[in-house]
Amino acid sequence: MYRSGAFVADHVSPTAADQVQPNGVDLTLDVVFDQLEPGRITADGTEIGDRVARPLEQLDRKAPDTYYLPEGTYVARYRERIAIPEGHVGFVYPRSSLMRNSCMLNTAVWDAGYEGRGEGLLQVHHDIELERGARIAQLVFAEADHEEIYDGSYQGENLD
């Protein structure tokens, strides 16, 4: 069973009232990265390729800082700190407004016990402008049985 947005909001911070949806919490954009070097995934571990944060642009005097993203693939980091509670699994889905603008956000399963500020793979199929702080994804929780909680290499990521 999926949990209510109010329940999810108790495990996401900071959270504004307009981020809480009936079945989840909207996640906002913090930083967009360009991947510079290849990564490596082996049977013994993972190495993330070097990446660099894209520069923010002031597209007009009234608009906050904005990323202008030409067609391509990027890594998007969420602004919120997330803590997946025991007995649950988290899923992140793109907001429909992202898809309606020819963009897609791919993510993985978020295991019980994970805590951090996660990332997603942002695929841009047509140029777009994204403001920092824009709502780009929705986090939902489902109840789940598990033997252990997450204690992997991404525990506590992006919290410093």
N, C-alpha and C. Protein backbone atom coordinates (compact mmCIF):
# COMPACT_ATOMS: atom_id res chain seq x y z
N MET A 1 0.83 -1.17 0.00
CA MET A 1 0.00 0.00 0.00
C MET A 1 0.88 1.25 0.00
N TYR A 2 0.51 2.21 -0.84
CA TYR A 2 1.21 3.49 -0.86
C TYR A 2 0.74 4.34 0.31
N ARG A 3 1.66 5.14 0.85
CA ARG A 3 1.35 5.99 2.00
C ARG A 3 0.87 7.36 1.53
N SER A 4 0.28 8.10 2.43
CA SER A 4 -0.23 9.43 2.10
C SER A 4 0.92 10.42 1.95
N GLY A 5 0.62 11.52 1.27
CA GLY A 5 1.61 12.58 1.13
C GLY A 5 2.01 13.15 2.48
N ALA A 6 1.07 13.24 3.40
CA ALA A 6 1.38 13.75 4.74
C ALA A 6 2.39 12.85 5.44
N PHE A 7 2.24 11.53 5.30
CA PHE A 7 3.20 10.60 5.90
C PHE A 7 4.58 10.80 5.27
N VAL A 8 4.64 10.89 3.95
CA VAL A 8 5.92 11.08 3.25
C VAL A 8 6.57 12.38 3.72
N ALA A 9 5.78 13.44 3.85
CA ALA A 9 6.31 14.75 4.25
C ALA A 9 7.03 14.70 5.60
N ASP A 10 6.62 13.79 6.46
CA ASP A 10 7.29 13.65 7.76
C ASP A 10 8.73 13.15 7.63
N HIS A 11 9.11 12.68 6.44
CA HIS A 11 10.44 12.11 6.21
C HIS A 11 11.23 12.87 5.15
N VAL A 12 10.76 14.06 4.81
CA VAL A 12 11.41 14.91 3.80
C VAL A 12 11.55 16.30 4.39
N SER A 13 12.77 16.87 4.31
CA SER A 13 12.95 18.23 4.83
C SER A 13 13.97 18.99 3.99
N PRO A 14 13.76 20.27 3.80
CA PRO A 14 12.55 21.00 4.17
C PRO A 14 11.40 20.66 3.22
N THR A 15 10.18 20.86 3.69
CA THR A 15 9.00 20.62 2.87
C THR A 15 8.03 21.78 3.06
N ALA A 16 7.67 22.45 1.97
CA ALA A 16 6.65 23.50 1.99
C ALA A 16 5.28 22.86 1.78
N ALA A 17 4.26 23.53 2.23
CA ALA A 17 2.89 22.98 2.13
C ALA A 17 2.51 22.66 0.69
N ASP A 18 2.95 23.47 -0.29
CA ASP A 18 2.56 23.21 -1.68
C ASP A 18 3.29 22.03 -2.30
N GLN A 19 4.26 21.47 -1.61
CA GLN A 19 4.96 20.27 -2.10
C GLN A 19 4.23 18.98 -1.72
N VAL A 20 3.37 19.04 -0.71
CA VAL A 20 2.69 17.85 -0.22
C VAL A 20 1.49 17.57 -1.13
N GLN A 21 1.51 16.41 -1.75
CA GLN A 21 0.46 15.97 -2.65
C GLN A 21 -0.34 14.85 -1.97
N PRO A 22 -1.47 14.44 -2.54
CA PRO A 22 -2.25 13.38 -1.89
C PRO A 22 -1.46 12.10 -1.63
N ASN A 23 -0.56 11.74 -2.55
CA ASN A 23 0.15 10.46 -2.42
C ASN A 23 1.67 10.59 -2.38
N GLY A 24 2.19 11.77 -2.15
CA GLY A 24 3.63 11.91 -2.10
C GLY A 24 4.04 13.35 -1.85
N VAL A 25 5.33 13.60 -2.04
CA VAL A 25 5.89 14.94 -1.85
C VAL A 25 6.70 15.30 -3.08
N ASP A 26 6.47 16.51 -3.59
CA ASP A 26 7.25 17.00 -4.72
C ASP A 26 8.68 17.29 -4.26
N LEU A 27 9.63 16.89 -5.08
CA LEU A 27 11.04 17.19 -4.84
C LEU A 27 11.46 18.31 -5.77
N THR A 28 12.32 19.18 -5.27
CA THR A 28 12.73 20.34 -6.05
C THR A 28 14.18 20.22 -6.50
N LEU A 29 14.48 20.97 -7.55
CA LEU A 29 15.81 20.95 -8.15
C LEU A 29 16.79 21.77 -7.33
N ASP A 30 17.92 21.17 -7.03
CA ASP A 30 19.00 21.88 -6.35
C ASP A 30 20.10 22.24 -7.34
N VAL A 31 20.76 21.21 -7.89
CA VAL A 31 21.90 21.43 -8.78
C VAL A 31 21.79 20.48 -9.97
N VAL A 32 22.22 20.96 -11.13
CA VAL A 32 22.32 20.13 -12.33
C VAL A 32 23.80 19.94 -12.65
N PHE A 33 24.18 18.69 -12.90
CA PHE A 33 25.57 18.35 -13.19
C PHE A 33 25.73 17.83 -14.62
N ASP A 34 26.89 18.13 -15.21
CA ASP A 34 27.34 17.50 -16.45
C ASP A 34 28.32 16.40 -16.07
N GLN A 35 28.14 15.22 -16.63
CA GLN A 35 29.09 14.12 -16.41
C GLN A 35 30.27 14.35 -17.37
N LEU A 36 31.48 14.39 -16.83
CA LEU A 36 32.66 14.68 -17.63
C LEU A 36 33.43 13.43 -18.05
N GLU A 37 33.50 12.47 -17.16
CA GLU A 37 34.31 11.28 -17.37
C GLU A 37 33.46 10.03 -17.22
N PRO A 38 33.87 8.94 -17.83
CA PRO A 38 33.11 7.71 -17.67
C PRO A 38 33.19 7.19 -16.23
N GLY A 39 32.13 6.55 -15.80
CA GLY A 39 32.12 5.85 -14.53
C GLY A 39 32.52 4.41 -14.75
N ARG A 40 32.49 3.63 -13.68
CA ARG A 40 32.85 2.22 -13.78
C ARG A 40 32.04 1.44 -12.76
N ILE A 41 31.38 0.39 -13.22
CA ILE A 41 30.63 -0.50 -12.34
C ILE A 41 31.20 -1.90 -12.51
N THR A 42 31.70 -2.46 -11.41
CA THR A 42 32.30 -3.79 -11.45
C THR A 42 31.57 -4.69 -10.45
N ALA A 43 31.98 -5.92 -10.41
CA ALA A 43 31.40 -6.85 -9.42
C ALA A 43 31.77 -6.45 -8.01
N ASP A 44 32.83 -5.66 -7.85
CA ASP A 44 33.31 -5.28 -6.51
C ASP A 44 32.93 -3.87 -6.09
N GLY A 45 32.31 -3.10 -6.96
CA GLY A 45 31.97 -1.74 -6.55
C GLY A 45 31.67 -0.82 -7.72
N THR A 46 31.52 0.44 -7.37
CA THR A 46 31.14 1.46 -8.34
C THR A 46 32.03 2.68 -8.19
N GLU A 47 32.42 3.25 -9.31
CA GLU A 47 33.12 4.54 -9.34
C GLU A 47 32.28 5.49 -10.16
N ILE A 48 31.95 6.63 -9.58
CA ILE A 48 31.19 7.65 -10.28
C ILE A 48 32.17 8.50 -11.07
N GLY A 49 31.88 8.69 -12.35
CA GLY A 49 32.75 9.54 -13.18
C GLY A 49 32.72 10.98 -12.72
N ASP A 50 33.80 11.70 -12.99
CA ASP A 50 33.87 13.11 -12.60
C ASP A 50 32.72 13.88 -13.23
N ARG A 51 32.21 14.84 -12.49
CA ARG A 51 31.13 15.70 -12.98
C ARG A 51 31.35 17.11 -12.46
N VAL A 52 30.68 18.04 -13.11
CA VAL A 52 30.79 19.45 -12.73
C VAL A 52 29.39 20.06 -12.74
N ALA A 53 29.15 20.94 -11.76
CA ALA A 53 27.86 21.63 -11.70
C ALA A 53 27.77 22.61 -12.87
N ARG A 54 26.61 22.62 -13.54
CA ARG A 54 26.37 23.58 -14.63
C ARG A 54 26.19 24.97 -14.02
N PRO A 55 26.58 25.98 -14.76
CA PRO A 55 26.39 27.35 -14.23
C PRO A 55 24.92 27.76 -14.29
N LEU A 56 24.50 28.50 -13.29
CA LEU A 56 23.17 29.10 -13.28
C LEU A 56 23.21 30.36 -14.14
N GLU A 57 22.07 30.70 -14.74
CA GLU A 57 21.99 31.89 -15.57
C GLU A 57 20.89 32.79 -15.05
N GLN A 58 21.07 34.08 -15.16
CA GLN A 58 20.03 35.05 -14.86
C GLN A 58 19.42 35.41 -16.21
N LEU A 59 18.33 34.72 -16.59
CA LEU A 59 17.76 34.88 -17.92
C LEU A 59 17.00 36.19 -18.08
N ASP A 60 16.45 36.70 -17.03
CA ASP A 60 15.92 38.06 -17.03
C ASP A 60 15.96 38.58 -15.60
N ARG A 61 15.82 39.87 -15.45
CA ARG A 61 16.03 40.48 -14.13
C ARG A 61 15.01 40.05 -13.09
N LYS A 62 13.84 39.60 -13.51
CA LYS A 62 12.80 39.19 -12.57
C LYS A 62 12.89 37.73 -12.19
N ALA A 63 13.53 36.91 -13.02
CA ALA A 63 13.57 35.46 -12.78
C ALA A 63 14.70 35.10 -11.83
N PRO A 64 14.44 34.14 -10.96
CA PRO A 64 15.53 33.63 -10.12
C PRO A 64 16.56 32.88 -10.98
N ASP A 65 17.58 32.40 -10.34
CA ASP A 65 18.61 31.65 -11.07
C ASP A 65 18.00 30.47 -11.78
N THR A 66 18.41 30.27 -13.01
CA THR A 66 17.81 29.28 -13.89
C THR A 66 18.90 28.51 -14.62
N TYR A 67 18.64 27.23 -14.84
CA TYR A 67 19.50 26.41 -15.69
C TYR A 67 18.90 26.41 -17.09
N TYR A 68 19.69 26.78 -18.07
CA TYR A 68 19.28 26.58 -19.46
C TYR A 68 19.92 25.27 -19.89
N LEU A 69 19.10 24.28 -20.25
CA LEU A 69 19.61 22.95 -20.58
C LEU A 69 19.29 22.61 -22.03
N PRO A 70 20.32 22.59 -22.87
CA PRO A 70 20.09 22.11 -24.23
C PRO A 70 19.87 20.60 -24.22
N GLU A 71 19.38 20.08 -25.33
CA GLU A 71 19.15 18.64 -25.46
C GLU A 71 20.39 17.88 -24.98
N GLY A 72 20.17 16.88 -24.14
CA GLY A 72 21.28 16.10 -23.59
C GLY A 72 20.87 15.37 -22.33
N THR A 73 21.85 14.84 -21.64
CA THR A 73 21.63 14.06 -20.43
C THR A 73 22.41 14.68 -19.28
N TYR A 74 21.76 14.80 -18.13
CA TYR A 74 22.34 15.47 -16.97
C TYR A 74 22.03 14.67 -15.72
N VAL A 75 22.70 15.01 -14.62
CA VAL A 75 22.37 14.47 -13.31
C VAL A 75 21.76 15.62 -12.51
N ALA A 76 20.56 15.40 -11.98
CA ALA A 76 19.86 16.41 -11.19
C ALA A 76 19.87 15.98 -9.73
N ARG A 77 20.32 16.88 -8.87
CA ARG A 77 20.28 16.61 -7.43
C ARG A 77 19.07 17.33 -6.83
N TYR A 78 18.39 16.63 -5.95
CA TYR A 78 17.22 17.20 -5.28
C TYR A 78 17.66 18.04 -4.09
N ARG A 79 16.89 19.04 -3.76
CA ARG A 79 17.20 19.96 -2.67
C ARG A 79 16.88 19.36 -1.29
N GLU A 80 15.91 18.47 -1.23
CA GLU A 80 15.41 17.97 0.05
C GLU A 80 16.23 16.80 0.59
N ARG A 81 16.30 16.75 1.90
CA ARG A 81 16.90 15.62 2.62
C ARG A 81 15.79 14.58 2.80
N ILE A 82 16.09 13.35 2.44
CA ILE A 82 15.10 12.28 2.47
C ILE A 82 15.57 11.18 3.42
N ALA A 83 14.65 10.66 4.21
CA ALA A 83 14.94 9.54 5.10
C ALA A 83 13.85 8.49 4.87
N ILE A 84 14.19 7.36 4.26
CA ILE A 84 13.21 6.31 4.00
C ILE A 84 13.02 5.51 5.29
N PRO A 85 11.81 5.51 5.85
CA PRO A 85 11.62 4.84 7.13
C PRO A 85 11.60 3.32 7.00
N GLU A 86 11.90 2.66 8.09
CA GLU A 86 11.81 1.20 8.12
C GLU A 86 10.40 0.78 7.73
N GLY A 87 10.31 -0.37 7.07
CA GLY A 87 9.02 -0.88 6.64
C GLY A 87 8.50 -0.24 5.37
N HIS A 88 9.36 0.51 4.66
CA HIS A 88 8.93 1.22 3.46
C HIS A 88 10.01 1.17 2.38
N VAL A 89 9.60 1.44 1.16
CA VAL A 89 10.50 1.61 0.03
C VAL A 89 10.05 2.89 -0.67
N GLY A 90 11.02 3.66 -1.19
CA GLY A 90 10.69 4.90 -1.87
C GLY A 90 10.85 4.79 -3.37
N PHE A 91 9.96 5.47 -4.08
CA PHE A 91 10.04 5.57 -5.54
C PHE A 91 9.94 7.04 -5.91
N VAL A 92 10.73 7.48 -6.87
CA VAL A 92 10.67 8.86 -7.35
C VAL A 92 10.23 8.82 -8.80
N TYR A 93 9.21 9.62 -9.09
CA TYR A 93 8.66 9.70 -10.44
C TYR A 93 8.78 11.14 -10.95
N PRO A 94 8.92 11.33 -12.26
CA PRO A 94 8.96 12.69 -12.79
C PRO A 94 7.59 13.34 -12.67
N ARG A 95 7.57 14.64 -12.48
CA ARG A 95 6.29 15.37 -12.56
C ARG A 95 5.85 15.42 -14.01
N SER A 96 4.57 15.43 -14.23
CA SER A 96 4.06 15.40 -15.60
C SER A 96 4.47 16.64 -16.39
N SER A 97 4.66 17.78 -15.71
CA SER A 97 5.08 18.98 -16.43
C SER A 97 6.45 18.81 -17.06
N LEU A 98 7.31 18.01 -16.44
CA LEU A 98 8.62 17.72 -17.02
C LEU A 98 8.45 16.92 -18.31
N MET A 99 7.63 15.88 -18.25
CA MET A 99 7.41 15.04 -19.43
C MET A 99 6.72 15.83 -20.54
N ARG A 100 5.80 16.72 -20.18
CA ARG A 100 5.09 17.52 -21.18
C ARG A 100 6.03 18.50 -21.88
N ASN A 101 7.20 18.70 -21.31
CA ASN A 101 8.21 19.56 -21.92
C ASN A 101 9.36 18.73 -22.51
N SER A 102 9.06 17.49 -22.88
CA SER A 102 10.01 16.60 -23.57
C SER A 102 11.23 16.25 -22.73
N CYS A 103 11.02 16.10 -21.41
CA CYS A 103 12.11 15.70 -20.51
C CYS A 103 11.66 14.47 -19.73
N MET A 104 12.64 13.70 -19.28
CA MET A 104 12.36 12.50 -18.49
C MET A 104 13.35 12.44 -17.33
N LEU A 105 12.90 11.91 -16.21
CA LEU A 105 13.73 11.76 -15.03
C LEU A 105 13.73 10.29 -14.65
N ASN A 106 14.90 9.67 -14.66
CA ASN A 106 15.02 8.26 -14.30
C ASN A 106 15.66 8.15 -12.92
N THR A 107 15.11 7.24 -12.12
CA THR A 107 15.64 7.02 -10.78
C THR A 107 15.65 5.53 -10.47
N ALA A 108 16.14 5.20 -9.30
CA ALA A 108 16.21 3.81 -8.86
C ALA A 108 15.38 3.64 -7.59
N VAL A 109 15.28 2.43 -7.09
CA VAL A 109 14.58 2.14 -5.84
C VAL A 109 15.36 2.76 -4.68
N TRP A 110 14.64 3.35 -3.74
CA TRP A 110 15.24 3.92 -2.54
C TRP A 110 14.87 3.01 -1.37
N ASP A 111 15.86 2.29 -0.85
CA ASP A 111 15.63 1.28 0.18
C ASP A 111 15.38 1.88 1.56
N ALA A 112 14.66 1.11 2.38
CA ALA A 112 14.44 1.48 3.77
C ALA A 112 15.79 1.75 4.44
N GLY A 113 15.85 2.82 5.21
CA GLY A 113 17.07 3.19 5.91
C GLY A 113 17.94 4.18 5.18
N TYR A 114 17.70 4.39 3.86
CA TYR A 114 18.48 5.39 3.12
C TYR A 114 18.22 6.77 3.69
N GLU A 115 19.27 7.55 3.79
CA GLU A 115 19.15 8.94 4.19
C GLU A 115 20.14 9.76 3.38
N GLY A 116 19.65 10.82 2.75
CA GLY A 116 20.52 11.68 1.96
C GLY A 116 19.72 12.59 1.05
N ARG A 117 20.44 13.28 0.18
CA ARG A 117 19.84 14.13 -0.85
C ARG A 117 20.18 13.46 -2.18
N GLY A 118 19.23 12.74 -2.71
CA GLY A 118 19.46 11.89 -3.86
C GLY A 118 19.53 12.63 -5.18
N GLU A 119 19.72 11.85 -6.22
CA GLU A 119 19.90 12.36 -7.58
C GLU A 119 19.09 11.53 -8.55
N GLY A 120 18.83 12.10 -9.71
CA GLY A 120 18.16 11.40 -10.79
C GLY A 120 18.82 11.74 -12.11
N LEU A 121 18.61 10.90 -13.09
CA LEU A 121 19.14 11.11 -14.43
C LEU A 121 18.11 11.91 -15.22
N LEU A 122 18.46 13.11 -15.60
CA LEU A 122 17.56 14.01 -16.32
C LEU A 122 17.88 13.95 -17.80
N GLN A 123 16.93 13.47 -18.59
CA GLN A 123 17.08 13.40 -20.04
C GLN A 123 16.27 14.54 -20.65
N VAL A 124 16.95 15.40 -21.38
CA VAL A 124 16.32 16.55 -22.01
C VAL A 124 16.27 16.28 -23.51
N HIS A 125 15.05 16.14 -24.04
CA HIS A 125 14.87 15.85 -25.46
C HIS A 125 14.56 17.09 -26.28
N HIS A 126 14.35 18.20 -25.61
CA HIS A 126 14.16 19.50 -26.25
C HIS A 126 14.59 20.54 -25.23
N ASP A 127 15.34 21.56 -25.66
CA ASP A 127 15.87 22.56 -24.73
C ASP A 127 14.80 23.01 -23.73
N ILE A 128 15.26 23.26 -22.51
CA ILE A 128 14.34 23.69 -21.44
C ILE A 128 15.08 24.60 -20.47
N GLU A 129 14.32 25.46 -19.81
CA GLU A 129 14.83 26.28 -18.72
C GLU A 129 14.21 25.75 -17.43
N LEU A 130 15.05 25.45 -16.45
CA LEU A 130 14.59 24.97 -15.14
C LEU A 130 15.12 25.89 -14.06
N GLU A 131 14.22 26.47 -13.29
CA GLU A 131 14.64 27.30 -12.17
C GLU A 131 15.14 26.42 -11.04
N ARG A 132 16.14 26.89 -10.35
CA ARG A 132 16.57 26.22 -9.13
C ARG A 132 15.42 26.33 -8.14
N GLY A 133 15.04 25.21 -7.53
CA GLY A 133 13.90 25.18 -6.62
C GLY A 133 12.60 24.75 -7.28
N ALA A 134 12.62 24.57 -8.62
CA ALA A 134 11.42 24.11 -9.32
C ALA A 134 11.09 22.68 -8.92
N ARG A 135 9.81 22.36 -8.86
CA ARG A 135 9.37 21.00 -8.53
C ARG A 135 9.49 20.14 -9.78
N ILE A 136 10.34 19.10 -9.72
CA ILE A 136 10.59 18.27 -10.90
C ILE A 136 10.23 16.81 -10.71
N ALA A 137 9.99 16.38 -9.49
CA ALA A 137 9.76 14.95 -9.22
C ALA A 137 8.80 14.81 -8.05
N GLN A 138 8.28 13.58 -7.88
CA GLN A 138 7.45 13.29 -6.71
C GLN A 138 7.94 11.99 -6.07
N LEU A 139 8.17 12.05 -4.77
CA LEU A 139 8.58 10.90 -3.97
C LEU A 139 7.35 10.26 -3.36
N VAL A 140 7.21 8.95 -3.52
CA VAL A 140 6.13 8.20 -2.89
C VAL A 140 6.74 7.05 -2.09
N PHE A 141 6.04 6.64 -1.04
CA PHE A 141 6.46 5.51 -0.21
C PHE A 141 5.43 4.40 -0.33
N ALA A 142 5.93 3.18 -0.38
CA ALA A 142 5.07 2.00 -0.30
C ALA A 142 5.54 1.18 0.90
N GLU A 143 4.59 0.57 1.58
CA GLU A 143 4.97 -0.33 2.66
C GLU A 143 5.67 -1.54 2.06
N ALA A 144 6.72 -2.03 2.75
CA ALA A 144 7.51 -3.13 2.20
C ALA A 144 8.15 -3.93 3.32
N ASP A 145 8.19 -5.23 3.14
CA ASP A 145 8.93 -6.10 4.05
C ASP A 145 10.40 -6.05 3.66
N HIS A 146 11.27 -6.14 4.64
CA HIS A 146 12.71 -6.21 4.36
C HIS A 146 13.41 -6.87 5.53
N GLU A 147 14.56 -7.46 5.23
CA GLU A 147 15.35 -8.15 6.26
C GLU A 147 16.32 -7.19 6.95
N GLU A 148 16.81 -6.21 6.21
CA GLU A 148 17.79 -5.25 6.73
C GLU A 148 17.42 -3.87 6.23
N ILE A 149 18.12 -2.86 6.74
CA ILE A 149 17.96 -1.52 6.19
C ILE A 149 19.21 -1.14 5.41
N TYR A 150 19.08 -0.14 4.54
CA TYR A 150 20.17 0.27 3.67
C TYR A 150 21.34 0.80 4.48
N ASP A 151 22.54 0.33 4.12
CA ASP A 151 23.78 0.80 4.73
C ASP A 151 24.88 0.77 3.68
N GLY A 152 24.55 1.24 2.47
CA GLY A 152 25.48 1.19 1.35
C GLY A 152 26.30 2.46 1.20
N SER A 153 27.02 2.52 0.10
CA SER A 153 27.96 3.60 -0.14
C SER A 153 27.29 4.97 -0.36
N TYR A 154 26.00 5.00 -0.65
CA TYR A 154 25.32 6.28 -0.86
C TYR A 154 24.62 6.80 0.40
N GLN A 155 24.77 6.06 1.50
CA GLN A 155 24.18 6.50 2.76
C GLN A 155 24.76 7.85 3.14
N GLY A 156 23.89 8.83 3.39
CA GLY A 156 24.33 10.17 3.79
C GLY A 156 24.84 11.02 2.64
N GLU A 157 24.55 10.63 1.38
CA GLU A 157 25.09 11.38 0.24
C GLU A 157 24.54 12.80 0.17
N ASN A 158 25.43 13.69 -0.25
CA ASN A 158 25.10 15.10 -0.51
C ASN A 158 24.57 15.84 0.72
N LEU A 159 24.95 15.41 1.91
CA LEU A 159 24.48 16.09 3.11
C LEU A 159 25.46 17.13 3.63
N ASP A 160 26.63 17.22 3.07
CA ASP A 160 27.59 18.22 3.57
C ASP A 160 27.50 19.51 2.82
